[in-house]
């Protein structure tokens, strides 16, 4: 996995989790859903890069 893609995936996961938790605390469910989607997108980006790396080996 390239360092840039790994950093981007991890950043999306962290930002998504932070937004989700803050939105839950403020009782903003639509914003919590957006945070969860961002976190999931980061996880999927990470999975995609790991799959690409497994084929390169």
C-alpha atoms as a PDB file:
ATOM      1  CA  UNK A   1       0.000   0.000   0.000  1.00  0.00           C
ATOM      2  CA  UNK A   2       1.365   3.396  -0.863  1.00  0.00           C
ATOM      3  CA  UNK A   3       2.022   5.695   2.042  1.00  0.00           C
ATOM      4  CA  UNK A   4      -0.263   8.397   0.652  1.00  0.00           C
ATOM      5  CA  UNK A   5      -3.233   6.084   0.265  1.00  0.00           C
ATOM      6  CA  UNK A   6      -2.640   4.560   3.691  1.00  0.00           C
ATOM      7  CA  UNK A   7      -2.591   8.018   5.272  1.00  0.00           C
ATOM      8  CA  UNK A   8      -5.718   9.071   3.394  1.00  0.00           C
ATOM      9  CA  UNK A   9      -7.584   5.937   4.495  1.00  0.00           C
ATOM     10  CA  UNK A  10      -6.542   6.355   8.126  1.00  0.00           C
ATOM     11  CA  UNK A  11      -7.447  10.059   8.095  1.00  0.00           C
ATOM     12  CA  UNK A  12     -10.924   9.289   6.751  1.00  0.00           C
ATOM     13  CA  UNK A  13     -11.437   6.689   9.454  1.00  0.00           C
ATOM     14  CA  UNK A  14     -10.347   9.043  12.243  1.00  0.00           C
ATOM     15  CA  UNK A  15     -12.343  12.031  10.983  1.00  0.00           C
ATOM     16  CA  UNK A  16     -15.410   9.871  10.410  1.00  0.00           C
ATOM     17  CA  UNK A  17     -15.257   8.386  13.893  1.00  0.00           C
ATOM     18  CA  UNK A  18     -14.783  11.833  15.455  1.00  0.00           C
ATOM     19  CA  UNK A  19     -17.706  13.340  13.534  1.00  0.00           C
ATOM     20  CA  UNK A  20     -19.916  10.355  14.343  1.00  0.00           C
ATOM     21  CA  UNK A  21     -19.206  10.492  18.082  1.00  0.00           C
ATOM     22  CA  UNK A  22     -19.598  14.282  18.274  1.00  0.00           C
ATOM     23  CA  UNK A  23     -22.873  14.137  16.358  1.00  0.00           C
ATOM     24  CA  UNK A  24     -24.237  11.412  18.631  1.00  0.00           C
ATOM     25  CA  UNK A  25     -23.362  13.542  21.647  1.00  0.00           C
ATOM     26  CA  UNK A  26     -25.214  16.500  20.113  1.00  0.00           C
ATOM     27  CA  UNK A  27     -28.177  14.305  19.033  1.00  0.00           C
ATOM     28  CA  UNK A  28     -27.666  15.083  15.333  1.00  0.00           C
ATOM     29  CA  UNK A  29     -28.455  11.767  13.672  1.00  0.00           C
ATOM     30  CA  UNK A  30     -28.050  12.908  10.055  1.00  0.00           C
ATOM     31  CA  UNK A  31     -24.542  14.193  10.781  1.00  0.00           C
ATOM     32  CA  UNK A  32     -23.775  10.963  12.642  1.00  0.00           C
ATOM     33  CA  UNK A  33     -24.743   9.010   9.542  1.00  0.00           C
ATOM     34  CA  UNK A  34     -22.412  11.127   7.414  1.00  0.00           C
ATOM     35  CA  UNK A  35     -19.587  10.477   9.879  1.00  0.00           C
ATOM     36  CA  UNK A  36     -20.270   6.752   9.773  1.00  0.00           C
ATOM     37  CA  UNK A  37     -20.233   6.842   5.974  1.00  0.00           C
ATOM     38  CA  UNK A  38     -16.888   8.644   5.975  1.00  0.00           C
ATOM     39  CA  UNK A  39     -15.452   6.117   8.417  1.00  0.00           C
ATOM     40  CA  UNK A  40     -16.695   3.239   6.256  1.00  0.00           C
ATOM     41  CA  UNK A  41     -15.230   4.831   3.135  1.00  0.00           C
ATOM     42  CA  UNK A  42     -11.841   4.956   4.869  1.00  0.00           C
ATOM     43  CA  UNK A  43     -12.126   1.285   5.804  1.00  0.00           C
ATOM     44  CA  UNK A  44     -13.043   0.335   2.239  1.00  0.00           C
ATOM     45  CA  UNK A  45     -10.132   2.365   0.834  1.00  0.00           C
ATOM     46  CA  UNK A  46      -7.811   0.483   3.193  1.00  0.00           C
ATOM     47  CA  UNK A  47      -9.283  -2.881   2.142  1.00  0.00           C
ATOM     48  CA  UNK A  48      -8.899  -1.976  -1.546  1.00  0.00           C
ATOM     49  CA  UNK A  49      -5.228  -1.118  -1.087  1.00  0.00           C
ATOM     50  CA  UNK A  50      -4.572  -4.308   0.868  1.00  0.00           C
ATOM     51  CA  UNK A  51      -6.177  -6.340  -1.925  1.00  0.00           C
ATOM     52  CA  UNK A  52      -4.048  -4.608  -4.547  1.00  0.00           C
ATOM     53  CA  UNK A  53      -0.923  -5.325  -2.470  1.00  0.00           C
ATOM     54  CA  UNK A  54      -1.789  -9.000  -2.155  1.00  0.00           C
ATOM     55  CA  UNK A  55      -1.849  -9.354  -5.962  1.00  0.00           C
ATOM     56  CA  UNK A  56       1.497  -7.592  -6.331  1.00  0.00           C
ATOM     57  CA  UNK A  57       3.270 -10.187  -4.204  1.00  0.00           C
END
